[in-house]
Amino acid sequence: MEAELLGPPEDLKGKDILEIGAGAAQCARWLAEQGARPVALDISHRQLQHALRIGASFPLVCADAGALPFADGSFDLACSAYGALPFVAEPVLVLKEVRRVLRPGGRFVFSVTHPIRWAFPDEPGPEGLSVSASYFDRTPYVEQDEEGRAVYVEHHRTIGDRVRDVVAGGFRLVDLVEPEWPVWNTSEWGGWSPLRGGLIPGTAIFVCERD
């Protein structure tokens, strides 16, 4: 939001914006506050119910990001904050769908966990600063239930993989942002801390445009 990668807030007013993998639609709520016309899409009905309970006043759509239920050229902009793309085996299909529903000149901004993060242990202290796995290992991270069924799958891709996906999806990569740990943030969160965040990027943000 502060980086204005979708454009300055005053330019968002009246724009049709699709949030993909919206979860509880936090981004869409902020966009609505700026006067945009957001649509929040997620494959999880439960997440969208939560969005409704906490005050979403815009369309909520339960659908697969790889088969968007919208006509060509329906949106001015699209965004995704850690949603959809890390969790699909074929991200190019999602990118092609996003391009299809964007109008000419439309921008898609999406963030993923920075790929370098997977090479390090998920620890906030010094033990999280030593490489423990190959950056080039594309084996998905999978959590299973007691019966061996996958309940969570996150796919590992390198920065190069992501760039090639963007191009194969028909976009032009305008910017690749790797936010630095803010100096005011002294908190630990999960595997992250000022120590680790000051040395290793946690997020990669891809700014893409279609012709």
C-alpha atoms as a PDB file:
ATOM      1  CA  MET A   1       0.000   0.000   0.000  1.00  0.00           C
ATOM      2  CA  GLU A   2       2.710   2.462   1.005  1.00  0.00           C
ATOM      3  CA  ALA A   3       4.774   1.475  -2.037  1.00  0.00           C
ATOM      4  CA  GLU A   4       1.841   2.394  -4.325  1.00  0.00           C
ATOM      5  CA  LEU A   5       2.635  -0.449  -6.714  1.00  0.00           C
ATOM      6  CA  LEU A   6      -0.946  -0.434  -7.993  1.00  0.00           C
ATOM      7  CA  GLY A   7      -0.740   3.335  -8.309  1.00  0.00           C
ATOM      8  CA  PRO A   8      -1.327   6.227  -5.893  1.00  0.00           C
ATOM      9  CA  PRO A   9      -4.494   5.895  -3.797  1.00  0.00           C
ATOM     10  CA  GLU A  10      -6.187   8.804  -5.541  1.00  0.00           C
ATOM     11  CA  ASP A  11      -5.854   6.958  -8.866  1.00  0.00           C
ATOM     12  CA  LEU A  12      -7.600   3.846  -7.558  1.00  0.00           C
ATOM     13  CA  LYS A  13     -10.978   5.529  -7.192  1.00  0.00           C
ATOM     14  CA  GLY A  14     -13.534   4.010  -9.545  1.00  0.00           C
ATOM     15  CA  LYS A  15     -11.148   1.270 -10.742  1.00  0.00           C
ATOM     16  CA  ASP A  16     -12.309  -2.345 -11.083  1.00  0.00           C
ATOM     17  CA  ILE A  17      -9.753  -4.389  -9.126  1.00  0.00           C
ATOM     18  CA  LEU A  18      -9.566  -8.139  -8.605  1.00  0.00           C
ATOM     19  CA  GLU A  19      -7.920  -9.545  -5.477  1.00  0.00           C
ATOM     20  CA  ILE A  20      -6.860 -13.163  -6.087  1.00  0.00           C
ATOM     21  CA  GLY A  21      -6.418 -15.593  -3.218  1.00  0.00           C
ATOM     22  CA  ALA A  22      -8.038 -12.928  -1.073  1.00  0.00           C
ATOM     23  CA  GLY A  23      -8.504 -14.892   2.145  1.00  0.00           C
ATOM     24  CA  ALA A  24     -10.413 -12.547   4.428  1.00  0.00           C
ATOM     25  CA  ALA A  25     -10.111  -9.817   1.770  1.00  0.00           C
ATOM     26  CA  GLN A  26      -7.912  -7.429   3.742  1.00  0.00           C
ATOM     27  CA  CYS A  27      -6.507  -5.867   0.568  1.00  0.00           C
ATOM     28  CA  ALA A  28      -9.921  -5.576  -1.049  1.00  0.00           C
ATOM     29  CA  ARG A  29     -11.279  -3.812   2.035  1.00  0.00           C
ATOM     30  CA  TRP A  30      -8.466  -1.253   1.836  1.00  0.00           C
ATOM     31  CA  LEU A  31      -9.095  -0.784  -1.886  1.00  0.00           C
ATOM     32  CA  ALA A  32     -12.792  -0.184  -1.231  1.00  0.00           C
ATOM     33  CA  GLU A  33     -11.840   2.497   1.298  1.00  0.00           C
ATOM     34  CA  GLN A  34      -9.923   4.270  -1.499  1.00  0.00           C
ATOM     35  CA  GLY A  35     -13.053   4.333  -3.640  1.00  0.00           C
ATOM     36  CA  ALA A  36     -12.143   1.381  -5.876  1.00  0.00           C
ATOM     37  CA  ARG A  37     -14.592  -1.320  -6.927  1.00  0.00           C
ATOM     38  CA  PRO A  38     -12.873  -4.506  -5.705  1.00  0.00           C
ATOM     39  CA  VAL A  39     -13.860  -8.113  -6.192  1.00  0.00           C
ATOM     40  CA  ALA A  40     -12.323 -10.627  -3.769  1.00  0.00           C
ATOM     41  CA  LEU A  41     -11.758 -14.161  -5.049  1.00  0.00           C
ATOM     42  CA  ASP A  42     -10.641 -17.197  -3.067  1.00  0.00           C
ATOM     43  CA  ILE A  43     -11.004 -20.948  -3.437  1.00  0.00           C
ATOM     44  CA  SER A  44     -11.877 -21.258   0.275  1.00  0.00           C
ATOM     45  CA  HIS A  45     -15.542 -20.685   1.072  1.00  0.00           C
ATOM     46  CA  ARG A  46     -14.678 -20.515   4.770  1.00  0.00           C
ATOM     47  CA  GLN A  47     -12.236 -17.656   4.208  1.00  0.00           C
ATOM     48  CA  LEU A  48     -14.821 -15.702   2.252  1.00  0.00           C
ATOM     49  CA  GLN A  49     -17.394 -16.291   4.996  1.00  0.00           C
ATOM     50  CA  HIS A  50     -14.911 -14.736   7.403  1.00  0.00           C
ATOM     51  CA  ALA A  51     -14.491 -11.774   5.048  1.00  0.00           C
ATOM     52  CA  LEU A  52     -18.257 -11.322   5.070  1.00  0.00           C
ATOM     53  CA  ARG A  53     -18.438 -11.520   8.874  1.00  0.00           C
ATOM     54  CA  ILE A  54     -15.857  -8.774   9.300  1.00  0.00           C
ATOM     55  CA  GLY A  55     -17.596  -6.376   6.984  1.00  0.00           C
ATOM     56  CA  ALA A  56     -16.827  -6.989   3.309  1.00  0.00           C
ATOM     57  CA  SER A  57     -19.259  -4.858   1.310  1.00  0.00           C
ATOM     58  CA  PHE A  58     -18.114  -5.863  -2.182  1.00  0.00           C
ATOM     59  CA  PRO A  59     -18.486  -9.028  -4.279  1.00  0.00           C
ATOM     60  CA  LEU A  60     -16.911 -12.201  -2.863  1.00  0.00           C
ATOM     61  CA  VAL A  61     -16.335 -14.990  -5.376  1.00  0.00           C
ATOM     62  CA  CYS A  62     -15.448 -18.584  -4.516  1.00  0.00           C
ATOM     63  CA  ALA A  63     -13.532 -19.947  -7.502  1.00  0.00           C
ATOM     64  CA  ASP A  64     -10.272 -21.424  -8.765  1.00  0.00           C
ATOM     65  CA  ALA A  65      -7.682 -18.832  -9.788  1.00  0.00           C
ATOM     66  CA  GLY A  66      -6.813 -21.037 -12.755  1.00  0.00           C
ATOM     67  CA  ALA A  67     -10.352 -20.695 -14.150  1.00  0.00           C
ATOM     68  CA  LEU A  68     -11.523 -17.178 -13.353  1.00  0.00           C
ATOM     69  CA  PRO A  69     -15.311 -16.796 -13.781  1.00  0.00           C
ATOM     70  CA  PHE A  70     -15.102 -13.371 -15.412  1.00  0.00           C
ATOM     71  CA  ALA A  71     -15.355 -12.074 -18.961  1.00  0.00           C
ATOM     72  CA  ASP A  72     -12.284 -10.915 -20.852  1.00  0.00           C
ATOM     73  CA  GLY A  73     -11.197  -7.404 -19.922  1.00  0.00           C
ATOM     74  CA  SER A  74     -13.294  -7.132 -16.763  1.00  0.00           C
ATOM     75  CA  PHE A  75     -10.715  -5.400 -14.557  1.00  0.00           C
ATOM     76  CA  ASP A  76      -8.325  -2.466 -14.588  1.00  0.00           C
ATOM     77  CA  LEU A  77      -5.965  -3.956 -12.009  1.00  0.00           C
ATOM     78  CA  ALA A  78      -5.366  -7.196 -10.118  1.00  0.00           C
ATOM     79  CA  CYS A  79      -3.419  -8.039  -6.986  1.00  0.00           C
ATOM     80  CA  SER A  80      -2.544 -11.016  -4.837  1.00  0.00           C
ATOM     81  CA  ALA A  81      -0.818 -10.897  -1.449  1.00  0.00           C
ATOM     82  CA  TYR A  82       0.711 -14.341  -0.906  1.00  0.00           C
ATOM     83  CA  GLY A  83      -2.418 -15.832  -2.460  1.00  0.00           C
ATOM     84  CA  ALA A  84      -2.976 -18.548  -5.068  1.00  0.00           C
ATOM     85  CA  LEU A  85       0.334 -18.518  -6.947  1.00  0.00           C
ATOM     86  CA  PRO A  86       2.505 -20.237  -4.302  1.00  0.00           C
ATOM     87  CA  PHE A  87      -0.100 -22.973  -3.947  1.00  0.00           C
ATOM     88  CA  VAL A  88      -0.617 -24.048  -7.560  1.00  0.00           C
ATOM     89  CA  ALA A  89       1.560 -26.479  -9.495  1.00  0.00           C
ATOM     90  CA  GLU A  90       1.050 -24.595 -12.782  1.00  0.00           C
ATOM     91  CA  PRO A  91       1.253 -20.857 -12.020  1.00  0.00           C
ATOM     92  CA  VAL A  92       1.403 -19.936 -15.710  1.00  0.00           C
ATOM     93  CA  LEU A  93      -2.234 -21.007 -16.044  1.00  0.00           C
ATOM     94  CA  VAL A  94      -3.177 -18.537 -13.321  1.00  0.00           C
ATOM     95  CA  LEU A  95      -1.117 -15.770 -14.903  1.00  0.00           C
ATOM     96  CA  LYS A  96      -2.744 -16.344 -18.286  1.00  0.00           C
ATOM     97  CA  GLU A  97      -6.170 -16.158 -16.688  1.00  0.00           C
ATOM     98  CA  VAL A  98      -5.296 -12.933 -14.884  1.00  0.00           C
ATOM     99  CA  ARG A  99      -4.037 -11.440 -18.132  1.00  0.00           C
ATOM    100  CA  ARG A 100      -7.263 -12.458 -19.878  1.00  0.00           C
ATOM    101  CA  VAL A 101      -9.511 -10.662 -17.389  1.00  0.00           C
ATOM    102  CA  LEU A 102      -7.381  -7.497 -17.361  1.00  0.00           C
ATOM    103  CA  ARG A 103      -7.988  -4.641 -19.740  1.00  0.00           C
ATOM    104  CA  PRO A 104      -5.145  -3.523 -22.057  1.00  0.00           C
ATOM    105  CA  GLY A 105      -2.490  -1.772 -20.001  1.00  0.00           C
ATOM    106  CA  GLY A 106      -3.749  -3.475 -16.839  1.00  0.00           C
ATOM    107  CA  ARG A 107      -1.341  -4.161 -13.996  1.00  0.00           C
ATOM    108  CA  PHE A 108      -1.041  -7.279 -11.844  1.00  0.00           C
ATOM    109  CA  VAL A 109       0.939  -7.036  -8.603  1.00  0.00           C
ATOM    110  CA  PHE A 110       1.543 -10.205  -6.622  1.00  0.00           C
ATOM    111  CA  SER A 111       3.713 -11.135  -3.674  1.00  0.00           C
ATOM    112  CA  VAL A 112       5.172 -14.478  -2.659  1.00  0.00           C
ATOM    113  CA  THR A 113       7.486 -15.644   0.068  1.00  0.00           C
ATOM    114  CA  HIS A 114      10.963 -14.850  -1.227  1.00  0.00           C
ATOM    115  CA  PRO A 115      12.397 -18.071  -2.712  1.00  0.00           C
ATOM    116  CA  ILE A 116      15.676 -17.716  -0.801  1.00  0.00           C
ATOM    117  CA  ARG A 117      13.731 -18.225   2.413  1.00  0.00           C
ATOM    118  CA  TRP A 118      13.350 -21.952   1.697  1.00  0.00           C
ATOM    119  CA  ALA A 119      17.117 -22.487   1.870  1.00  0.00           C
ATOM    120  CA  PHE A 120      17.232 -21.425   5.528  1.00  0.00           C
ATOM    121  CA  PRO A 121      15.685 -22.917   8.695  1.00  0.00           C
ATOM    122  CA  ASP A 122      12.505 -21.190   9.813  1.00  0.00           C
ATOM    123  CA  GLU A 123      14.091 -19.792  12.965  1.00  0.00           C
ATOM    124  CA  PRO A 124      14.346 -16.129  14.059  1.00  0.00           C
ATOM    125  CA  GLY A 125      17.709 -16.478  15.831  1.00  0.00           C
ATOM    126  CA  PRO A 126      21.260 -17.188  14.645  1.00  0.00           C
ATOM    127  CA  GLU A 127      20.280 -20.770  13.813  1.00  0.00           C
ATOM    128  CA  GLY A 128      18.115 -19.358  11.024  1.00  0.00           C
ATOM    129  CA  LEU A 129      21.073 -17.801   9.227  1.00  0.00           C
ATOM    130  CA  SER A 130      22.832 -20.944   7.980  1.00  0.00           C
ATOM    131  CA  VAL A 131      21.810 -22.558   4.704  1.00  0.00           C
ATOM    132  CA  SER A 132      20.255 -25.953   5.374  1.00  0.00           C
ATOM    133  CA  ALA A 133      18.670 -26.808   1.995  1.00  0.00           C
ATOM    134  CA  SER A 134      19.233 -26.173  -1.690  1.00  0.00           C
ATOM    135  CA  TYR A 135      17.741 -23.008  -3.109  1.00  0.00           C
ATOM    136  CA  PHE A 136      17.208 -24.999  -6.305  1.00  0.00           C
ATOM    137  CA  ASP A 137      15.160 -27.772  -4.681  1.00  0.00           C
ATOM    138  CA  ARG A 138      11.669 -27.468  -6.193  1.00  0.00           C
ATOM    139  CA  THR A 139      10.152 -30.180  -4.002  1.00  0.00           C
ATOM    140  CA  PRO A 140       6.845 -28.806  -2.672  1.00  0.00           C
ATOM    141  CA  TYR A 141       6.343 -28.343   1.049  1.00  0.00           C
ATOM    142  CA  VAL A 142       3.453 -30.620   2.042  1.00  0.00           C
ATOM    143  CA  GLU A 143       1.534 -31.041   5.301  1.00  0.00           C
ATOM    144  CA  GLN A 144      -0.653 -34.125   5.701  1.00  0.00           C
ATOM    145  CA  ASP A 145      -3.472 -35.123   7.999  1.00  0.00           C
ATOM    146  CA  GLU A 146      -3.525 -38.321  10.048  1.00  0.00           C
ATOM    147  CA  GLU A 147      -4.773 -40.294   7.041  1.00  0.00           C
ATOM    148  CA  GLY A 148      -1.957 -39.093   4.800  1.00  0.00           C
ATOM    149  CA  ARG A 149      -4.025 -36.646   2.793  1.00  0.00           C
ATOM    150  CA  ALA A 150      -2.372 -33.381   1.775  1.00  0.00           C
ATOM    151  CA  VAL A 151      -3.969 -30.486   3.630  1.00  0.00           C
ATOM    152  CA  TYR A 152      -1.413 -27.813   2.738  1.00  0.00           C
ATOM    153  CA  VAL A 153       0.906 -27.630  -0.270  1.00  0.00           C
ATOM    154  CA  GLU A 154       3.266 -24.773  -1.105  1.00  0.00           C
ATOM    155  CA  HIS A 155       5.392 -24.937  -4.231  1.00  0.00           C
ATOM    156  CA  HIS A 156       9.032 -23.829  -4.281  1.00  0.00           C
ATOM    157  CA  ARG A 157      10.182 -21.832  -7.290  1.00  0.00           C
ATOM    158  CA  THR A 158      13.300 -19.742  -7.813  1.00  0.00           C
ATOM    159  CA  ILE A 159      13.276 -16.060  -8.712  1.00  0.00           C
ATOM    160  CA  GLY A 160      14.214 -17.086 -12.255  1.00  0.00           C
ATOM    161  CA  ASP A 161      11.270 -19.497 -12.353  1.00  0.00           C
ATOM    162  CA  ARG A 162       8.897 -16.741 -11.307  1.00  0.00           C
ATOM    163  CA  VAL A 163      10.230 -14.319 -13.928  1.00  0.00           C
ATOM    164  CA  ARG A 164       9.857 -16.942 -16.653  1.00  0.00           C
ATOM    165  CA  ASP A 165       6.313 -17.672 -15.439  1.00  0.00           C
ATOM    166  CA  VAL A 166       5.404 -13.984 -15.702  1.00  0.00           C
ATOM    167  CA  VAL A 167       6.692 -13.799 -19.271  1.00  0.00           C
ATOM    168  CA  ALA A 168       5.053 -17.102 -20.267  1.00  0.00           C
ATOM    169  CA  GLY A 169       1.798 -15.776 -18.850  1.00  0.00           C
ATOM    170  CA  GLY A 170       1.890 -12.901 -21.333  1.00  0.00           C
ATOM    171  CA  PHE A 171       3.013 -10.131 -18.999  1.00  0.00           C
ATOM    172  CA  ARG A 172       5.853  -7.651 -19.044  1.00  0.00           C
ATOM    173  CA  LEU A 173       7.765  -7.516 -15.763  1.00  0.00           C
ATOM    174  CA  VAL A 174       7.916  -3.855 -14.734  1.00  0.00           C
ATOM    175  CA  ASP A 175       9.561  -4.261 -11.344  1.00  0.00           C
ATOM    176  CA  LEU A 176      10.701  -6.854  -8.835  1.00  0.00           C
ATOM    177  CA  VAL A 177      10.609  -5.462  -5.310  1.00  0.00           C
ATOM    178  CA  GLU A 178      12.411  -7.100  -2.376  1.00  0.00           C
ATOM    179  CA  PRO A 179      11.294  -5.089   0.672  1.00  0.00           C
ATOM    180  CA  GLU A 180      13.888  -4.559   3.359  1.00  0.00           C
ATOM    181  CA  TRP A 181      13.124  -5.162   7.023  1.00  0.00           C
ATOM    182  CA  PRO A 182      11.824  -1.839   8.434  1.00  0.00           C
ATOM    183  CA  VAL A 183      14.041  -0.359  11.122  1.00  0.00           C
ATOM    184  CA  TRP A 184      11.037   0.399  13.343  1.00  0.00           C
ATOM    185  CA  ASN A 185       9.993  -3.254  13.509  1.00  0.00           C
ATOM    186  CA  THR A 186      11.647  -4.805  16.553  1.00  0.00           C
ATOM    187  CA  SER A 187       9.230  -7.728  16.835  1.00  0.00           C
ATOM    188  CA  GLU A 188       9.714 -11.417  16.147  1.00  0.00           C
ATOM    189  CA  TRP A 189       7.066 -13.157  14.069  1.00  0.00           C
ATOM    190  CA  GLY A 190       7.276 -16.862  13.355  1.00  0.00           C
ATOM    191  CA  GLY A 191      10.706 -17.468  11.879  1.00  0.00           C
ATOM    192  CA  TRP A 192      11.395 -13.779  11.323  1.00  0.00           C
ATOM    193  CA  SER A 193      13.163 -11.196  13.437  1.00  0.00           C
ATOM    194  CA  PRO A 194      15.179  -7.991  12.952  1.00  0.00           C
ATOM    195  CA  LEU A 195      18.326 -10.141  12.939  1.00  0.00           C
ATOM    196  CA  ARG A 196      17.146 -12.443  10.176  1.00  0.00           C
ATOM    197  CA  GLY A 197      15.111  -9.854   8.280  1.00  0.00           C
ATOM    198  CA  GLY A 198      18.091  -7.521   8.089  1.00  0.00           C
ATOM    199  CA  LEU A 199      20.076 -10.135   6.184  1.00  0.00           C
ATOM    200  CA  ILE A 200      17.592 -12.229   4.193  1.00  0.00           C
ATOM    201  CA  PRO A 201      14.618 -10.924   2.165  1.00  0.00           C
ATOM    202  CA  GLY A 202      11.310 -12.394   3.245  1.00  0.00           C
ATOM    203  CA  THR A 203       9.117 -11.225   0.381  1.00  0.00           C
ATOM    204  CA  ALA A 204       9.317 -10.845  -3.392  1.00  0.00           C
ATOM    205  CA  ILE A 205       6.789  -8.585  -5.122  1.00  0.00           C
ATOM    206  CA  PHE A 206       6.300  -8.835  -8.890  1.00  0.00           C
ATOM    207  CA  VAL A 207       4.850  -5.862 -10.735  1.00  0.00           C
ATOM    208  CA  CYS A 208       3.509  -6.979 -14.115  1.00  0.00           C
ATOM    209  CA  GLU A 209       1.678  -5.275 -16.976  1.00  0.00           C
ATOM    210  CA  ARG A 210      -0.172  -6.553 -19.994  1.00  0.00           C
ATOM    211  CA  ASP A 211      -0.053  -4.876 -23.401  1.00  0.00           C
END
